[in-house]
Protein backbone atom coordinates (compact mmCIF):
# COMPACT_ATOMS: atom_id res chain seq x y z
CA MET A 1 0.04 -0.07 0.00
CA HIS A 2 2.81 2.42 0.84
CA SER A 3 4.61 1.75 -2.42
CA ILE A 4 1.38 2.36 -4.39
CA THR A 5 1.02 5.72 -2.67
CA ARG A 6 4.62 6.69 -3.45
CA LYS A 7 4.15 5.64 -7.00
CA ARG A 8 0.77 7.83 -7.27
CA TRP A 9 2.61 10.82 -5.95
CA ARG A 10 5.55 10.53 -8.31
CA LEU A 11 5.68 13.23 -10.76
CA ARG A 12 7.55 11.48 -13.42
CA GLN A 13 8.98 8.08 -14.14
CA PRO A 14 12.72 7.89 -13.77
CA SER A 15 14.59 8.05 -16.94
CA VAL A 16 16.83 5.20 -18.19
CA ILE A 17 19.51 7.86 -18.99
CA PRO A 18 20.67 9.62 -15.80
CA GLY A 19 21.13 13.27 -15.29
CA PHE A 20 17.93 14.54 -16.89
CA GLY A 21 17.27 17.13 -14.18
CA LEU A 22 20.81 18.44 -14.37
CA ALA A 23 20.77 18.59 -18.21
CA LEU A 24 17.29 20.31 -18.34
CA GLY A 25 18.41 22.85 -15.83
CA VAL A 26 21.56 23.71 -17.76
CA THR A 27 19.51 24.08 -20.89
CA LEU A 28 16.94 26.30 -19.38
CA ALA A 29 19.69 28.40 -17.64
CA TRP A 30 21.47 28.65 -21.11
CA LEU A 31 18.37 29.72 -22.95
CA ILE A 32 17.41 32.31 -20.24
CA PHE A 33 20.70 33.96 -19.90
CA ILE A 34 21.95 33.87 -23.53
CA VAL A 35 18.69 34.18 -25.55
CA LEU A 36 15.74 35.26 -23.53
CA ILE A 37 17.12 37.93 -21.22
CA PRO A 38 18.90 39.96 -24.11
CA LEU A 39 15.69 39.61 -26.36
CA SER A 40 13.34 40.64 -23.47
CA GLY A 41 15.69 43.67 -22.85
CA LEU A 42 15.38 44.72 -26.45
CA LEU A 43 11.56 44.30 -26.44
CA TRP A 44 11.41 46.33 -23.26
CA LYS A 45 13.54 49.07 -24.58
CA SER A 46 11.26 49.20 -27.61
CA SER A 47 8.10 49.39 -25.56
CA ALA A 48 9.60 52.31 -23.72
CA LEU A 49 9.57 54.26 -26.94
CA GLY A 50 5.88 54.29 -27.33
CA TRP A 51 3.99 53.18 -30.34
CA GLU A 52 4.07 56.47 -32.23
CA LYS A 53 7.65 57.12 -31.89
CA PHE A 54 8.49 53.26 -32.48
CA TRP A 55 6.48 53.30 -35.78
CA ALA A 56 8.00 56.57 -36.82
CA LEU A 57 11.44 55.10 -36.51
CA ALA A 58 10.65 51.70 -37.90
CA LEU A 59 8.93 53.15 -40.99
CA ASP A 60 11.56 55.57 -41.91
CA VAL A 61 12.39 55.45 -45.58
CA ARG A 62 16.10 54.63 -45.17
CA THR A 63 15.22 51.88 -42.61
CA LEU A 64 12.69 50.35 -44.95
CA TYR A 65 15.21 50.18 -47.81
CA ALA A 66 17.85 48.61 -45.52
CA LEU A 67 15.35 46.06 -44.32
CA ARG A 68 14.31 45.19 -47.82
CA MET A 69 17.96 44.87 -48.77
CA SER A 70 18.64 42.51 -45.82
CA PHE A 71 15.69 40.32 -45.95
CA GLY A 72 15.14 40.39 -49.73
CA GLY A 73 18.83 39.47 -50.36
CA ALA A 74 18.67 36.88 -47.64
CA PHE A 75 15.52 35.31 -49.19
CA ILE A 76 17.07 35.20 -52.70
CA ALA A 77 20.37 33.76 -51.51
CA ALA A 78 18.72 31.16 -49.39
CA LEU A 79 16.60 30.01 -52.46
CA VAL A 80 19.83 29.84 -54.59
CA ASN A 81 21.46 27.92 -51.80
CA ALA A 82 18.59 25.52 -51.51
CA VAL A 83 19.04 24.52 -55.22
CA LEU A 84 22.78 24.64 -55.39
CA GLY A 85 23.22 23.12 -51.92
CA LEU A 86 21.01 20.05 -52.96
CA ILE A 87 22.93 19.64 -56.29
CA LEU A 88 26.34 19.91 -54.49
CA ALA A 89 25.17 17.40 -51.64
CA TRP A 90 23.91 14.87 -54.42
CA VAL A 91 27.24 15.20 -56.19
CA LEU A 92 29.21 14.54 -52.90
CA VAL A 93 27.02 11.58 -51.93
CA ARG A 94 26.41 9.74 -55.17
CA TYR A 95 29.59 10.18 -57.16
CA ARG A 96 33.22 9.27 -56.90
CA PHE A 97 35.83 11.57 -58.64
CA PRO A 98 39.32 12.88 -58.04
CA GLY A 99 39.46 15.76 -55.54
CA LYS A 100 36.06 14.75 -53.97
CA ARG A 101 37.43 15.13 -50.38
CA ILE A 102 39.01 18.43 -51.14
CA LEU A 103 35.67 19.53 -52.47
CA ASP A 104 33.86 18.28 -49.35
CA ALA A 105 36.35 20.07 -47.22
CA MET A 106 35.94 23.28 -49.19
CA VAL A 107 32.06 23.31 -48.28
CA ASP A 108 32.87 24.07 -44.65
CA LEU A 109 35.33 26.91 -45.53
CA PRO A 110 32.70 29.72 -44.81
CA PHE A 111 32.40 28.25 -41.33
CA ALA A 112 36.03 28.59 -40.64
CA LEU A 113 36.78 31.72 -42.59
CA PRO A 114 36.42 35.17 -40.83
CA THR A 115 33.50 36.95 -42.41
CA ALA A 116 35.64 40.07 -42.79
CA VAL A 117 38.29 38.02 -44.79
CA ALA A 118 35.43 36.60 -46.96
CA GLY A 119 34.20 39.95 -47.76
CA ILE A 120 37.68 41.22 -48.78
CA ALA A 121 38.20 38.25 -50.93
CA LEU A 122 34.86 38.48 -52.68
CA THR A 123 35.43 42.28 -53.30
CA THR A 124 38.93 41.48 -54.67
CA LEU A 125 37.27 39.06 -57.22
CA TYR A 126 34.23 41.05 -58.27
CA ALA A 127 35.56 44.71 -58.03
CA PRO A 128 35.75 46.37 -61.61
CA ASN A 129 39.47 45.76 -61.60
CA GLY A 130 39.27 42.25 -59.76
CA TRP A 131 40.16 38.89 -61.25
CA ILE A 132 36.64 38.26 -62.35
CA GLY A 133 35.16 41.87 -62.43
CA GLN A 134 37.71 43.00 -65.02
CA PHE A 135 36.12 40.65 -67.47
CA LEU A 136 32.48 41.51 -66.56
CA THR A 137 32.85 45.25 -66.57
CA PRO A 138 33.31 45.61 -70.37
CA LEU A 139 30.04 43.79 -70.69
CA GLY A 140 28.34 46.16 -68.50
CA ILE A 141 27.87 43.74 -65.61
CA LYS A 142 28.80 45.24 -62.19
CA ILE A 143 28.69 42.98 -59.14
CA ALA A 144 30.71 44.68 -56.44
CA PHE A 145 29.24 47.70 -54.66
CA THR A 146 25.66 46.75 -55.89
CA PRO A 147 23.01 44.56 -54.38
CA VAL A 148 24.10 41.78 -56.50
CA GLY A 149 27.34 41.64 -54.74
CA ILE A 150 25.35 41.38 -51.47
CA VAL A 151 23.56 38.26 -52.62
CA ILE A 152 26.68 36.72 -53.79
CA ALA A 153 28.15 37.30 -50.40
CA LEU A 154 25.26 35.83 -48.58
CA ILE A 155 25.17 32.74 -50.86
CA PHE A 156 28.88 32.12 -49.92
CA VAL A 157 28.14 32.25 -46.17
CA GLY A 158 24.81 30.22 -46.37
CA LEU A 159 25.65 27.42 -48.76
CA PRO A 160 27.30 25.06 -46.12
CA PHE A 161 24.06 24.96 -44.15
CA VAL A 162 22.01 23.42 -46.94
CA VAL A 163 24.83 21.04 -48.03
CA ARG A 164 25.30 19.64 -44.49
CA THR A 165 21.66 19.37 -43.71
CA ALA A 166 20.86 17.55 -46.87
CA GLN A 167 23.90 15.24 -47.07
CA PRO A 168 22.84 12.68 -44.31
CA VAL A 169 19.43 12.32 -45.58
CA MET A 170 20.63 11.62 -49.03
CA GLU A 171 23.07 9.03 -47.78
CA GLU A 172 20.04 7.16 -46.33
CA ILE A 173 18.13 7.10 -49.59
CA ASP A 174 18.68 3.69 -51.05
CA ARG A 175 19.64 3.47 -54.68
CA GLU A 176 17.11 0.55 -55.09
CA VAL A 177 14.32 3.09 -54.79
CA GLU A 178 15.52 4.98 -57.86
CA GLU A 179 15.93 1.66 -59.74
CA ALA A 180 12.48 0.42 -58.73
CA ALA A 181 11.09 3.68 -60.10
CA ALA A 182 12.95 3.25 -63.27
CA THR A 183 11.77 -0.32 -63.58
CA LEU A 184 8.13 0.98 -63.23
CA GLY A 185 8.50 3.32 -66.16
CA ALA A 186 9.41 6.48 -64.35
CA SER A 187 11.55 8.92 -66.26
CA ARG A 188 14.53 10.61 -64.49
CA PHE A 189 12.48 13.83 -64.04
CA GLN A 190 9.62 11.86 -62.46
CA THR A 191 11.98 10.05 -60.24
CA ILE A 192 13.56 13.26 -58.99
CA THR A 193 10.29 15.16 -58.43
CA ARG A 194 8.11 12.13 -57.11
CA VAL A 195 10.55 9.86 -55.24
CA LEU A 196 13.57 11.75 -54.22
CA LEU A 197 12.31 15.31 -53.56
CA PRO A 198 9.60 14.44 -51.13
CA GLY A 199 12.07 12.67 -48.87
CA LEU A 200 14.56 15.57 -49.15
CA ALA A 201 11.86 18.29 -48.61
CA PRO A 202 12.26 18.53 -44.80
CA ALA A 203 16.08 18.80 -45.03
CA ALA A 204 16.02 21.24 -47.84
CA LEU A 205 13.40 23.44 -45.78
CA THR A 206 15.81 23.16 -42.86
CA GLY A 207 18.87 24.19 -44.80
CA PHE A 208 16.80 26.93 -46.27
CA ALA A 209 15.87 28.31 -42.82
CA LEU A 210 19.43 28.10 -41.53
CA ALA A 211 20.82 29.85 -44.53
CA PHE A 212 18.17 32.46 -44.29
CA ALA A 213 18.74 33.16 -40.68
CA ARG A 214 22.53 33.26 -41.28
CA ALA A 215 22.16 35.68 -44.19
CA ALA A 216 19.57 37.95 -42.58
CA GLY A 217 22.05 39.00 -39.83
CA GLU A 218 25.29 38.88 -41.97
CA TYR A 219 27.57 41.83 -41.45
CA GLY A 220 31.17 41.25 -41.99
CA SER A 221 31.22 39.62 -45.51
CA VAL A 222 28.74 42.14 -46.77
CA ILE A 223 29.94 45.64 -45.84
CA PHE A 224 33.11 45.35 -47.95
CA ILE A 225 31.35 44.29 -51.19
CA ALA A 226 28.09 46.15 -50.75
CA GLY A 227 29.29 49.74 -51.23
CA ASN A 228 26.94 50.80 -48.38
CA LYS A 229 25.05 53.30 -50.26
CA PRO A 230 21.93 54.53 -48.49
CA TYR A 231 18.78 53.61 -50.32
CA VAL A 232 20.65 51.27 -52.66
CA SER A 233 23.06 48.73 -51.03
CA GLU A 234 22.80 49.41 -47.13
CA ILE A 235 21.95 46.47 -45.04
CA ALA A 236 19.97 46.61 -41.78
CA PRO A 237 22.78 45.38 -39.44
CA LEU A 238 24.94 48.22 -40.89
CA LEU A 239 22.24 50.78 -40.23
CA ILE A 240 22.05 49.70 -36.64
CA VAL A 241 25.72 50.17 -36.15
CA ILE A 242 25.55 53.63 -37.91
CA ARG A 243 22.67 54.62 -35.50
CA LEU A 244 24.66 53.43 -32.48
CA GLU A 245 27.55 55.39 -33.56
CA GLU A 246 25.33 58.47 -33.68
CA TYR A 247 24.04 57.67 -30.27
CA ASN A 248 20.64 57.28 -31.70
CA TYR A 249 19.77 54.25 -29.52
CA SER A 250 16.03 54.58 -30.06
CA ALA A 251 16.36 54.17 -33.84
CA ALA A 252 18.94 51.22 -33.45
CA THR A 253 16.37 49.52 -31.05
CA ALA A 254 13.38 50.03 -33.36
CA ILE A 255 15.35 48.55 -36.34
CA ALA A 256 16.62 45.50 -34.28
CA THR A 257 12.99 44.88 -33.03
CA VAL A 258 11.58 45.00 -36.47
CA MET A 259 14.41 42.53 -37.66
CA LEU A 260 13.65 40.31 -34.74
CA PHE A 261 9.90 40.24 -35.49
CA ILE A 262 10.53 39.56 -39.25
CA SER A 263 12.94 36.87 -38.60
CA PHE A 264 10.80 34.86 -36.04
CA THR A 265 7.69 35.17 -38.24
CA MET A 266 9.56 33.64 -41.33
CA LEU A 267 11.34 31.00 -39.25
CA LEU A 268 7.89 30.20 -37.76
CA ILE A 269 6.33 29.68 -41.11
CA ILE A 270 9.13 27.70 -42.44
CA ASN A 271 8.90 25.40 -39.28
CA LEU A 272 5.17 24.88 -39.93
CA ILE A 273 5.84 23.96 -43.57
CA GLN A 274 8.39 21.47 -42.23
CA SER A 275 5.94 19.80 -39.80
CA TRP A 276 3.45 19.65 -42.66
CA SER A 277 6.02 18.05 -44.90
CA ARG A 278 7.10 15.50 -42.31
CA ARG A 279 3.30 14.52 -41.74
CA ARG A 280 2.67 14.46 -45.45
CA TYR A 281 5.61 12.22 -46.47
CA GLY A 282 6.62 10.58 -43.33
CA TYR A 283 10.24 11.58 -43.56
CA GLY A 284 12.44 13.35 -40.81
CA ALA A 285 15.21 15.83 -41.50
């Protein structure tokens, strides 16, 4: 009877893996001190501005241009990375060729390379007198110091997220699935779109979300190649720094809050699409 009472009042069954309480405590403390408290401070500072002043700062023309440049460029770069990343991951998984390990290691280069170094290198390549830019300039194509250069820099920093997210999923796809589809009369296009892509969709969406989040807040690799022209090629993180240097903390807070809201909304939508994709096709990323 005593054992039954103890079992009734037990809050949870003991885990097979010990240390759940400690691990949960460390995780919550990490989230609170590293994520929740800074974000709460940002929201509190924004609320102190008042709605009228907040919207006046957030809807400033220069701010809107910078936000459009940051999030528009991040979205385009993430789309390009979703396509190129899947192709590159497929090549690394399904084919054997000389230099494959070198190419595989180069995918992680944006992780190890300082963003400022990446920005300087891209500017050196695509400037009008650069190694690549000198051939594009006579054709009337200008990349450096334009929004196109920003997108290229964001593609560079975001590509590894898609490749490394999709690669393990591709390795689990059995070749016999493709052979069975071909045996049943499916064309290569039908095999890709109806057999392979449904299983890769959650991983592709995850890679897209990670690449987008990385690109939306990118600073170091962009400011060198962007040209930083207001209303043309100025990104929101740079505008925040400019406002801080002007001691205009209210404007910097408003821009940061808008960026936080847009990023959270887009990532939430992507996560909902991921959940639907997993339920629809029965695959996990």
